[in-house]
Amino acid sequence: MTQTLTIECAAGAVPVRVLRRANARRLRLVADPVRREFRLTLPPRATLGTARAFLDDHHGWIAERAQPSRADALRARLRDPLPG
């Protein structure tokens, strides 16, 4: 079952998909730049409270990676139509 937790940072509300995996042994946080998402994998017995505390502990790491990159800004400018 997939759930989503939200972290507030300078980039705004950042959703984090929470996945439970039977073979997971520890919590694992991944920033996927291709899908532009964050995923937190939990072992079967970990609670959502544990997940929230883990995300709070890694708030700075998430905020740093959630900031739009220069490449994102360039892509946005290229998508905008030219004036005139």
Protein backbone atom coordinates (compact mmCIF):
# COMPACT_ATOMS: atom_id res chain seq x y z
CA MET A 1 0.00 0.00 0.00
CA THR A 2 1.34 3.42 -0.96
CA GLN A 3 0.75 6.50 1.17
CA THR A 4 1.95 10.07 0.81
CA LEU A 5 3.40 12.31 3.50
CA THR A 6 4.06 16.00 2.89
CA ILE A 7 7.07 18.02 4.00
CA GLU A 8 6.93 21.83 4.04
CA CYS A 9 10.07 23.64 2.87
CA ALA A 10 11.12 26.74 0.92
CA ALA A 11 10.16 25.02 -2.34
CA GLY A 12 6.62 24.57 -0.98
CA ALA A 13 4.80 21.39 -0.04
CA VAL A 14 6.91 18.41 -1.08
CA PRO A 15 5.06 15.09 -1.34
CA VAL A 16 6.94 11.93 -0.34
CA ARG A 17 5.58 8.55 -1.43
CA VAL A 18 5.80 6.02 1.39
CA LEU A 19 6.20 2.41 0.28
CA ARG A 20 6.22 -0.68 2.48
CA ARG A 21 8.41 -3.52 1.29
CA ALA A 22 8.51 -6.95 2.88
CA ASN A 23 12.22 -7.33 2.12
CA ALA A 24 13.25 -3.86 3.42
CA ARG A 25 15.51 -3.94 6.48
CA ARG A 26 15.85 -0.19 7.05
CA LEU A 27 14.29 3.10 6.01
CA ARG A 28 15.49 4.36 2.63
CA LEU A 29 14.87 7.84 1.21
CA VAL A 30 15.37 8.39 -2.53
CA ALA A 31 15.13 11.54 -4.63
CA ASP A 32 14.25 10.52 -8.18
CA PRO A 33 15.13 13.41 -10.53
CA VAL A 34 13.65 11.67 -13.57
CA ARG A 35 10.22 11.17 -12.00
CA ARG A 36 10.66 14.31 -9.88
CA GLU A 37 9.54 12.60 -6.73
CA PHE A 38 10.75 11.48 -3.33
CA ARG A 39 10.19 7.92 -2.10
CA LEU A 40 10.59 6.56 1.41
CA THR A 41 10.76 2.78 1.70
CA LEU A 42 9.78 1.27 5.05
CA PRO A 43 10.31 -2.18 6.52
CA PRO A 44 7.06 -4.01 7.36
CA ARG A 45 7.02 -3.15 11.08
CA ALA A 46 7.96 0.53 10.83
CA THR A 47 5.20 2.96 11.78
CA LEU A 48 4.12 6.14 10.02
CA GLY A 49 5.31 8.00 13.11
CA THR A 50 8.78 6.58 12.52
CA ALA A 51 8.53 7.61 8.87
CA ARG A 52 7.49 11.16 9.83
CA ALA A 53 10.37 11.45 12.33
CA PHE A 54 12.82 10.18 9.69
CA LEU A 55 11.57 12.77 7.19
CA ASP A 56 11.82 15.51 9.82
CA ASP A 57 15.42 14.48 10.53
CA HIS A 58 16.20 14.67 6.79
CA HIS A 59 14.29 17.91 6.17
CA GLY A 60 17.40 19.79 4.99
CA TRP A 61 18.36 17.06 2.53
CA ILE A 62 14.85 17.03 1.07
CA ALA A 63 14.65 20.84 0.87
CA GLU A 64 17.99 21.01 -0.93
CA ARG A 65 16.91 18.52 -3.57
CA ALA A 66 13.38 19.93 -3.93
CA GLN A 67 14.67 23.31 -5.10
CA PRO A 68 14.19 23.85 -8.83
CA SER A 69 17.47 23.42 -10.66
CA ARG A 70 18.90 25.79 -13.23
CA ALA A 71 17.98 23.23 -15.89
CA ASP A 72 14.34 23.33 -14.72
CA ALA A 73 14.34 27.14 -14.96
CA LEU A 74 15.78 26.97 -18.48
CA ARG A 75 13.18 24.40 -19.55
CA ALA A 76 10.41 26.64 -18.21
CA ARG A 77 11.78 29.61 -20.14
CA LEU A 78 12.00 27.56 -23.34
CA ARG A 79 8.38 26.44 -22.98
CA ASP A 80 7.15 30.05 -22.72
CA PRO A 81 6.13 31.52 -26.07
CA LEU A 82 8.22 34.32 -27.46
CA PRO A 83 6.70 37.79 -27.12
CA GLY A 84 5.38 39.52 -30.23
